[in-house]
Amino acid sequence: MVPLAVALLLLHTLGDQAWAYVTAAVVGGIGLLASVIALVECVGAIRKGLARAEAAWVIVVLLVASCAVVYRLIVT
């Protein structure tokens, strides 16, 4: 979640500068990769019946953050 938040902050504050856009893209890419790994783990936890509510909450938060980063990269 931290790399996604950093990427969003960079795009929001300094998105019009090329270095900030490239940095946000790299950091956001790392965050998206970590997000996919966490989503796989959460789906596995749901399938096993472990902490369904918490896993579902994490899935929602990661999907929203990932979509926000991708949207800001496209719009900026």
N, C-alpha and C. Protein backbone atom coordinates (compact mmCIF):
# COMPACT_ATOMS: atom_id res chain seq x y z
N MET A 1 0.82 -1.18 0.00
CA MET A 1 0.00 0.00 0.00
C MET A 1 0.87 1.26 0.00
N VAL A 2 2.01 1.22 0.64
CA VAL A 2 2.87 2.40 0.73
C VAL A 2 3.37 2.85 -0.64
N PRO A 3 3.87 1.94 -1.50
CA PRO A 3 4.29 2.41 -2.83
C PRO A 3 3.14 3.01 -3.64
N LEU A 4 1.95 2.46 -3.49
CA LEU A 4 0.80 3.02 -4.21
C LEU A 4 0.48 4.43 -3.70
N ALA A 5 0.56 4.61 -2.40
CA ALA A 5 0.30 5.94 -1.82
C ALA A 5 1.35 6.94 -2.24
N VAL A 6 2.61 6.52 -2.28
CA VAL A 6 3.69 7.43 -2.71
C VAL A 6 3.49 7.82 -4.18
N ALA A 7 3.14 6.85 -5.01
CA ALA A 7 2.91 7.14 -6.43
C ALA A 7 1.76 8.12 -6.60
N LEU A 8 0.67 7.90 -5.86
CA LEU A 8 -0.46 8.82 -5.95
C LEU A 8 -0.10 10.22 -5.48
N LEU A 9 0.67 10.30 -4.41
CA LEU A 9 1.10 11.60 -3.90
C LEU A 9 1.98 12.34 -4.90
N LEU A 10 2.91 11.62 -5.51
CA LEU A 10 3.76 12.24 -6.53
C LEU A 10 2.94 12.72 -7.72
N LEU A 11 2.03 11.90 -8.18
CA LEU A 11 1.22 12.29 -9.34
C LEU A 11 0.30 13.45 -9.00
N HIS A 12 -0.20 13.48 -7.79
CA HIS A 12 -1.11 14.56 -7.41
C HIS A 12 -0.39 15.89 -7.25
N THR A 13 0.79 15.86 -6.64
CA THR A 13 1.48 17.12 -6.36
C THR A 13 2.40 17.57 -7.48
N LEU A 14 3.14 16.65 -8.08
CA LEU A 14 4.15 17.02 -9.08
C LEU A 14 3.95 16.30 -10.41
N GLY A 15 2.74 15.92 -10.72
CA GLY A 15 2.47 15.11 -11.89
C GLY A 15 2.79 15.78 -13.22
N ASP A 16 2.90 17.11 -13.24
CA ASP A 16 3.18 17.79 -14.49
C ASP A 16 4.66 17.78 -14.85
N GLN A 17 5.51 17.34 -13.95
CA GLN A 17 6.95 17.26 -14.22
C GLN A 17 7.31 15.83 -14.63
N ALA A 18 8.20 15.74 -15.62
CA ALA A 18 8.54 14.43 -16.20
C ALA A 18 9.18 13.50 -15.18
N TRP A 19 10.09 14.02 -14.36
CA TRP A 19 10.78 13.13 -13.41
C TRP A 19 9.81 12.56 -12.39
N ALA A 20 8.83 13.37 -11.98
CA ALA A 20 7.85 12.89 -10.99
C ALA A 20 6.95 11.83 -11.62
N TYR A 21 6.59 12.02 -12.88
CA TYR A 21 5.74 11.05 -13.56
C TYR A 21 6.46 9.71 -13.72
N VAL A 22 7.73 9.76 -14.13
CA VAL A 22 8.50 8.52 -14.31
C VAL A 22 8.72 7.83 -12.97
N THR A 23 9.06 8.60 -11.96
CA THR A 23 9.26 8.03 -10.62
C THR A 23 7.96 7.40 -10.11
N ALA A 24 6.86 8.10 -10.29
CA ALA A 24 5.57 7.56 -9.85
C ALA A 24 5.20 6.30 -10.62
N ALA A 25 5.55 6.26 -11.91
CA ALA A 25 5.27 5.06 -12.70
C ALA A 25 6.07 3.87 -12.20
N VAL A 26 7.34 4.09 -11.87
CA VAL A 26 8.18 3.00 -11.37
C VAL A 26 7.72 2.54 -9.99
N VAL A 27 7.51 3.48 -9.10
CA VAL A 27 7.06 3.13 -7.74
C VAL A 27 5.66 2.52 -7.79
N GLY A 28 4.80 3.06 -8.63
CA GLY A 28 3.47 2.50 -8.78
C GLY A 28 3.49 1.10 -9.36
N GLY A 29 4.41 0.84 -10.28
CA GLY A 29 4.55 -0.51 -10.83
C GLY A 29 4.97 -1.50 -9.77
N ILE A 30 5.90 -1.10 -8.92
CA ILE A 30 6.31 -1.96 -7.81
C ILE A 30 5.13 -2.18 -6.87
N GLY A 31 4.38 -1.13 -6.60
CA GLY A 31 3.21 -1.26 -5.74
C GLY A 31 2.14 -2.16 -6.34
N LEU A 32 1.96 -2.07 -7.67
CA LEU A 32 0.97 -2.92 -8.32
C LEU A 32 1.40 -4.39 -8.28
N LEU A 33 2.68 -4.64 -8.44
CA LEU A 33 3.19 -6.01 -8.35
C LEU A 33 2.97 -6.57 -6.93
N ALA A 34 3.30 -5.78 -5.93
CA ALA A 34 3.08 -6.21 -4.55
C ALA A 34 1.59 -6.39 -4.27
N SER A 35 0.77 -5.56 -4.87
CA SER A 35 -0.67 -5.66 -4.70
C SER A 35 -1.21 -6.97 -5.28
N VAL A 36 -0.70 -7.36 -6.44
CA VAL A 36 -1.14 -8.62 -7.05
C VAL A 36 -0.75 -9.79 -6.16
N ILE A 37 0.45 -9.78 -5.61
CA ILE A 37 0.89 -10.85 -4.71
C ILE A 37 -0.01 -10.90 -3.47
N ALA A 38 -0.32 -9.74 -2.90
CA ALA A 38 -1.18 -9.71 -1.72
C ALA A 38 -2.60 -10.17 -2.05
N LEU A 39 -3.08 -9.83 -3.24
CA LEU A 39 -4.42 -10.27 -3.63
C LEU A 39 -4.49 -11.79 -3.76
N VAL A 40 -3.45 -12.39 -4.30
CA VAL A 40 -3.40 -13.86 -4.40
C VAL A 40 -3.43 -14.48 -3.01
N GLU A 41 -2.67 -13.92 -2.09
CA GLU A 41 -2.67 -14.44 -0.72
C GLU A 41 -4.04 -14.29 -0.06
N CYS A 42 -4.71 -13.16 -0.30
CA CYS A 42 -6.03 -12.94 0.29
C CYS A 42 -7.06 -13.90 -0.28
N VAL A 43 -7.00 -14.15 -1.57
CA VAL A 43 -7.93 -15.11 -2.18
C VAL A 43 -7.68 -16.49 -1.60
N GLY A 44 -6.43 -16.85 -1.39
CA GLY A 44 -6.11 -18.13 -0.76
C GLY A 44 -6.65 -18.22 0.65
N ALA A 45 -6.58 -17.12 1.39
CA ALA A 45 -7.11 -17.09 2.76
C ALA A 45 -8.62 -17.24 2.75
N ILE A 46 -9.27 -16.61 1.79
CA ILE A 46 -10.74 -16.72 1.70
C ILE A 46 -11.13 -18.15 1.35
N ARG A 47 -10.40 -18.77 0.44
CA ARG A 47 -10.71 -20.16 0.06
C ARG A 47 -10.54 -21.12 1.23
N LYS A 48 -9.55 -20.85 2.09
CA LYS A 48 -9.33 -21.71 3.25
C LYS A 48 -10.29 -21.40 4.39
N GLY A 49 -11.01 -20.30 4.28
CA GLY A 49 -11.96 -19.93 5.32
C GLY A 49 -11.34 -19.16 6.47
N LEU A 50 -10.14 -18.62 6.26
CA LEU A 50 -9.45 -17.88 7.31
C LEU A 50 -9.71 -16.38 7.15
N ALA A 51 -10.24 -15.78 8.16
CA ALA A 51 -10.40 -14.32 8.22
C ALA A 51 -11.03 -13.76 6.95
N ARG A 52 -12.22 -14.18 6.65
CA ARG A 52 -12.88 -13.76 5.41
C ARG A 52 -13.10 -12.26 5.36
N ALA A 53 -13.56 -11.67 6.43
CA ALA A 53 -13.86 -10.23 6.43
C ALA A 53 -12.60 -9.40 6.24
N GLU A 54 -11.54 -9.77 6.93
CA GLU A 54 -10.29 -9.02 6.81
C GLU A 54 -9.70 -9.15 5.41
N ALA A 55 -9.73 -10.35 4.87
CA ALA A 55 -9.20 -10.57 3.53
C ALA A 55 -10.02 -9.81 2.50
N ALA A 56 -11.32 -9.81 2.65
CA ALA A 56 -12.17 -9.07 1.72
C ALA A 56 -11.90 -7.57 1.80
N TRP A 57 -11.68 -7.06 3.00
CA TRP A 57 -11.37 -5.64 3.18
C TRP A 57 -10.05 -5.29 2.50
N VAL A 58 -9.04 -6.13 2.67
CA VAL A 58 -7.74 -5.89 2.04
C VAL A 58 -7.87 -5.92 0.52
N ILE A 59 -8.66 -6.85 0.01
CA ILE A 59 -8.86 -6.92 -1.44
C ILE A 59 -9.49 -5.63 -1.96
N VAL A 60 -10.51 -5.15 -1.28
CA VAL A 60 -11.17 -3.91 -1.72
C VAL A 60 -10.21 -2.73 -1.68
N VAL A 61 -9.47 -2.59 -0.60
CA VAL A 61 -8.53 -1.46 -0.47
C VAL A 61 -7.45 -1.52 -1.54
N LEU A 62 -6.88 -2.69 -1.78
CA LEU A 62 -5.83 -2.81 -2.79
C LEU A 62 -6.37 -2.57 -4.20
N LEU A 63 -7.56 -3.06 -4.49
CA LEU A 63 -8.13 -2.82 -5.82
C LEU A 63 -8.42 -1.34 -6.05
N VAL A 64 -8.96 -0.67 -5.05
CA VAL A 64 -9.24 0.76 -5.19
C VAL A 64 -7.95 1.56 -5.36
N ALA A 65 -6.93 1.25 -4.55
CA ALA A 65 -5.66 1.97 -4.66
C ALA A 65 -4.99 1.70 -6.01
N SER A 66 -5.04 0.46 -6.46
CA SER A 66 -4.44 0.12 -7.76
C SER A 66 -5.14 0.84 -8.90
N CYS A 67 -6.46 0.86 -8.86
CA CYS A 67 -7.21 1.55 -9.90
C CYS A 67 -6.95 3.05 -9.87
N ALA A 68 -6.79 3.61 -8.68
CA ALA A 68 -6.50 5.04 -8.56
C ALA A 68 -5.14 5.38 -9.17
N VAL A 69 -4.14 4.55 -8.93
CA VAL A 69 -2.81 4.81 -9.50
C VAL A 69 -2.86 4.71 -11.02
N VAL A 70 -3.48 3.68 -11.53
CA VAL A 70 -3.57 3.51 -12.99
C VAL A 70 -4.34 4.67 -13.61
N TYR A 71 -5.43 5.10 -12.98
CA TYR A 71 -6.21 6.23 -13.48
C TYR A 71 -5.38 7.51 -13.52
N ARG A 72 -4.65 7.77 -12.42
CA ARG A 72 -3.84 9.00 -12.37
C ARG A 72 -2.70 8.96 -13.40
N LEU A 73 -2.14 7.77 -13.64
CA LEU A 73 -1.09 7.66 -14.66
C LEU A 73 -1.67 7.93 -16.05
N ILE A 74 -2.87 7.48 -16.31
CA ILE A 74 -3.48 7.70 -17.62
C ILE A 74 -3.88 9.16 -17.80
N VAL A 75 -4.46 9.76 -16.78
CA VAL A 75 -4.96 11.12 -16.88
C VAL A 75 -3.83 12.14 -16.92
N THR A 76 -2.77 11.91 -16.14
CA THR A 76 -1.70 12.89 -16.02
C THR A 76 -0.86 12.96 -17.27
